[in-house]
């Protein structure tokens, strides 16, 4: 493979991104691809500040929260994504700037302005937008994970976020129905990936 690809997993909380991304990574590696798995928020200093907001999002204003995501992403792009792409890897990221436009957009920031502020970030070759209802997401988080909802996972919040995700018109987005068995969702993701590889003329092995 002589060119890198950037693939972002997006969607509201509870759609299975953290389950599906490793499955896709393993599949691509079996095909001989070099794969880099990453996520946002990162484990860097700004990402840690963002994670501290999960239990008390009111510590900062929506604008300050947005700035933290932008700082974290700048570091992520410079230190992880761009170097991996330059080496010809397929980069799989669990969340990217579409999540910021949706979540911080739902918090009151303008989504169009958020997209415009990401001129430093490479556009993904593919966005796998996992979709299901907020009710289904909340049930997964509570019942399957056995977790308490954090400040970003409240159902009223997720309703707004889902509506924004649904409104994004970007051509790189492929919507994947996520309220199905894991294997079925993975199969749909593989179909989208194979189409991308053919379109881009990418051969891993």
Protein backbone atom coordinates (compact mmCIF):
# COMPACT_ATOMS: atom_id res chain seq x y z
CA UNK A 1 0.00 0.00 0.00
CA UNK A 2 1.48 3.35 -1.02
CA UNK A 3 -1.01 5.76 0.49
CA UNK A 4 -2.61 6.15 3.89
CA UNK A 5 -6.33 6.21 4.59
CA UNK A 6 -8.19 7.90 7.44
CA UNK A 7 -11.36 6.22 8.64
CA UNK A 8 -13.40 7.69 11.49
CA UNK A 9 -15.98 5.86 13.59
CA UNK A 10 -18.71 8.27 14.65
CA UNK A 11 -22.11 8.17 16.33
CA UNK A 12 -23.81 8.87 19.61
CA UNK A 13 -22.64 7.07 22.73
CA UNK A 14 -23.58 3.41 22.98
CA UNK A 15 -23.60 2.63 19.25
CA UNK A 16 -20.71 0.18 19.47
CA UNK A 17 -17.78 2.16 18.06
CA UNK A 18 -15.29 0.74 20.56
CA UNK A 19 -16.50 -2.78 19.67
CA UNK A 20 -16.50 -2.40 15.91
CA UNK A 21 -13.20 -0.54 15.47
CA UNK A 22 -10.98 -3.41 16.76
CA UNK A 23 -12.96 -5.90 14.67
CA UNK A 24 -12.28 -3.87 11.55
CA UNK A 25 -8.62 -3.44 12.51
CA UNK A 26 -8.21 -7.20 12.88
CA UNK A 27 -9.91 -7.83 9.54
CA UNK A 28 -7.70 -5.31 7.72
CA UNK A 29 -4.55 -6.73 9.27
CA UNK A 30 -5.56 -10.17 8.01
CA UNK A 31 -5.64 -8.62 4.54
CA UNK A 32 -2.06 -7.44 4.99
CA UNK A 33 -2.82 -3.82 5.85
CA UNK A 34 -0.82 -1.70 8.27
CA UNK A 35 -3.39 -0.32 10.73
CA UNK A 36 -3.14 2.32 13.44
CA UNK A 37 -5.94 2.32 16.04
CA UNK A 38 -6.52 5.55 17.93
CA UNK A 39 -9.27 7.49 19.68
CA UNK A 40 -10.45 10.88 20.83
CA UNK A 41 -10.33 12.35 23.36
CA UNK A 42 -6.73 11.19 23.52
CA UNK A 43 -4.76 10.27 26.62
CA UNK A 44 -2.77 13.50 26.30
CA UNK A 45 -3.03 16.49 28.63
CA UNK A 46 -6.04 18.06 26.87
CA UNK A 47 -7.77 14.72 26.50
CA UNK A 48 -7.43 14.12 30.22
CA UNK A 49 -9.01 17.49 30.92
CA UNK A 50 -11.92 16.53 28.64
CA UNK A 51 -12.39 13.20 30.42
CA UNK A 52 -12.60 15.05 33.72
CA UNK A 53 -15.71 16.76 32.34
CA UNK A 54 -17.61 13.48 31.98
CA UNK A 55 -18.90 13.70 35.53
CA UNK A 56 -19.28 17.48 35.71
CA UNK A 57 -19.57 19.17 32.36
CA UNK A 58 -20.51 22.48 34.00
CA UNK A 59 -16.89 23.12 35.02
CA UNK A 60 -16.37 25.00 31.75
CA UNK A 61 -18.43 26.98 29.26
CA UNK A 62 -19.39 25.40 25.90
CA UNK A 63 -16.75 27.59 24.23
CA UNK A 64 -14.04 26.48 26.66
CA UNK A 65 -15.08 22.86 26.17
CA UNK A 66 -14.83 23.29 22.39
CA UNK A 67 -11.36 24.82 22.75
CA UNK A 68 -10.20 21.77 24.72
CA UNK A 69 -11.40 19.44 21.96
CA UNK A 70 -9.63 21.55 19.34
CA UNK A 71 -6.37 21.56 21.30
CA UNK A 72 -6.57 17.82 21.85
CA UNK A 73 -7.27 17.22 18.16
CA UNK A 74 -4.42 19.46 17.00
CA UNK A 75 -2.02 17.39 19.06
CA UNK A 76 -3.62 14.14 17.87
CA UNK A 77 -3.37 15.15 14.21
CA UNK A 78 0.23 16.34 14.50
CA UNK A 79 1.60 13.50 16.60
CA UNK A 80 -0.44 10.48 15.46
CA UNK A 81 -2.68 10.87 12.42
CA UNK A 82 -0.45 12.73 9.96
CA UNK A 83 2.69 10.66 10.68
CA UNK A 84 0.72 7.40 10.30
CA UNK A 85 -0.85 8.54 7.02
CA UNK A 86 2.58 9.59 5.73
CA UNK A 87 3.80 6.05 6.37
CA UNK A 88 0.90 4.61 4.36
CA UNK A 89 -1.10 3.22 7.28
CA UNK A 90 -4.86 2.91 7.54
CA UNK A 91 -5.77 5.05 10.54
CA UNK A 92 -8.92 4.06 12.43
CA UNK A 93 -10.03 6.70 14.91
CA UNK A 94 -12.79 6.29 17.47
CA UNK A 95 -14.34 9.76 17.08
CA UNK A 96 -13.09 12.74 15.11
CA UNK A 97 -14.27 16.26 14.38
CA UNK A 98 -17.78 15.15 13.36
CA UNK A 99 -18.37 14.25 17.00
CA UNK A 100 -17.24 17.72 18.05
CA UNK A 101 -19.63 19.34 15.59
CA UNK A 102 -22.46 17.18 16.92
CA UNK A 103 -21.79 17.19 20.67
CA UNK A 104 -20.54 20.75 21.06
CA UNK A 105 -23.12 21.83 18.49
CA UNK A 106 -25.81 20.33 20.72
CA UNK A 107 -24.30 22.31 23.61
CA UNK A 108 -24.88 25.59 21.78
CA UNK A 109 -21.87 26.11 19.51
CA UNK A 110 -22.43 26.55 15.78
CA UNK A 111 -21.67 23.29 13.91
CA UNK A 112 -20.69 25.12 10.70
CA UNK A 113 -18.16 27.20 12.63
CA UNK A 114 -16.80 24.07 14.28
CA UNK A 115 -16.23 22.43 10.91
CA UNK A 116 -14.56 25.61 9.62
CA UNK A 117 -12.13 25.62 12.56
CA UNK A 118 -10.79 22.21 11.54
CA UNK A 119 -8.81 23.34 8.52
CA UNK A 120 -5.73 21.79 10.19
CA UNK A 121 -7.31 18.31 10.29
CA UNK A 122 -7.25 16.01 7.25
CA UNK A 123 -10.67 15.09 5.94
CA UNK A 124 -11.46 11.42 6.48
CA UNK A 125 -11.58 9.12 3.48
CA UNK A 126 -14.55 7.48 5.16
CA UNK A 127 -16.76 8.22 8.15
CA UNK A 128 -18.60 5.19 9.49
CA UNK A 129 -21.56 6.80 11.25
CA UNK A 130 -23.15 4.19 13.50
CA UNK A 131 -26.83 4.99 13.99
CA UNK A 132 -29.50 3.96 16.45
CA UNK A 133 -32.03 5.74 18.61
CA UNK A 134 -30.93 7.48 21.82
CA UNK A 135 -33.31 5.18 23.72
CA UNK A 136 -31.40 2.17 22.36
CA UNK A 137 -28.08 3.80 23.25
CA UNK A 138 -29.10 4.57 26.82
CA UNK A 139 -30.33 0.99 27.26
CA UNK A 140 -27.02 -0.39 26.01
CA UNK A 141 -25.00 1.83 28.33
CA UNK A 142 -27.10 1.02 31.38
CA UNK A 143 -28.07 -2.61 30.79
CA UNK A 144 -25.26 -4.12 28.72
CA UNK A 145 -22.34 -2.15 30.13
CA UNK A 146 -23.87 -1.72 33.57
CA UNK A 147 -22.66 1.87 33.65
CA UNK A 148 -24.12 5.09 35.01
CA UNK A 149 -24.75 7.71 32.34
CA UNK A 150 -22.15 10.48 32.30
CA UNK A 151 -22.85 14.12 31.45
CA UNK A 152 -22.40 13.51 27.71
CA UNK A 153 -24.74 10.48 27.66
CA UNK A 154 -28.01 11.91 28.97
CA UNK A 155 -30.91 11.00 26.68
CA UNK A 156 -32.06 14.59 26.09
CA UNK A 157 -28.51 15.47 25.08
CA UNK A 158 -28.22 12.44 22.80
CA UNK A 159 -31.46 13.39 21.02
CA UNK A 160 -29.90 16.70 19.98
CA UNK A 161 -26.61 15.07 19.04
CA UNK A 162 -28.32 12.41 16.93
CA UNK A 163 -30.29 15.07 15.07
CA UNK A 164 -27.10 16.93 14.22
CA UNK A 165 -25.33 13.76 13.06
CA UNK A 166 -28.34 13.04 10.84
CA UNK A 167 -28.09 16.52 9.30
CA UNK A 168 -24.47 16.29 8.17
CA UNK A 169 -24.36 16.11 4.35
CA UNK A 170 -20.70 15.17 3.88
CA UNK A 171 -20.04 12.74 1.07
CA UNK A 172 -17.53 10.75 3.11
CA UNK A 173 -20.24 9.58 5.53
CA UNK A 174 -21.65 6.06 5.30
CA UNK A 175 -24.46 5.39 7.77
CA UNK A 176 -24.46 1.97 9.40
CA UNK A 177 -27.52 0.75 11.34
CA UNK A 178 -26.00 -0.19 14.69
CA UNK A 179 -28.98 -1.70 16.55
CA UNK A 180 -28.23 -5.16 15.16
CA UNK A 181 -26.05 -8.07 16.27
CA UNK A 182 -22.33 -7.26 16.32
CA UNK A 183 -21.55 -9.61 13.42
CA UNK A 184 -24.16 -8.03 11.17
CA UNK A 185 -22.86 -4.52 11.86
CA UNK A 186 -19.30 -5.68 11.21
CA UNK A 187 -20.38 -7.20 7.90
CA UNK A 188 -21.90 -3.88 6.79
CA UNK A 189 -18.72 -2.07 7.81
CA UNK A 190 -16.58 -4.51 5.83
CA UNK A 191 -18.70 -3.89 2.74
CA UNK A 192 -18.15 -0.13 3.07
CA UNK A 193 -14.41 -0.62 3.59
CA UNK A 194 -13.99 -2.93 0.61
CA UNK A 195 -15.77 -0.40 -1.58
CA UNK A 196 -13.42 2.32 -0.30
CA UNK A 197 -10.32 0.24 -0.99
CA UNK A 198 -11.49 -0.46 -4.53
CA UNK A 199 -12.38 3.19 -5.15
CA UNK A 200 -9.00 4.37 -3.86
CA UNK A 201 -7.12 1.62 -5.69
CA UNK A 202 -5.54 0.49 -2.44
CA UNK A 203 -3.94 -2.96 -2.12
CA UNK A 204 -2.61 -3.78 1.32
CA UNK A 205 -0.62 -6.95 0.66
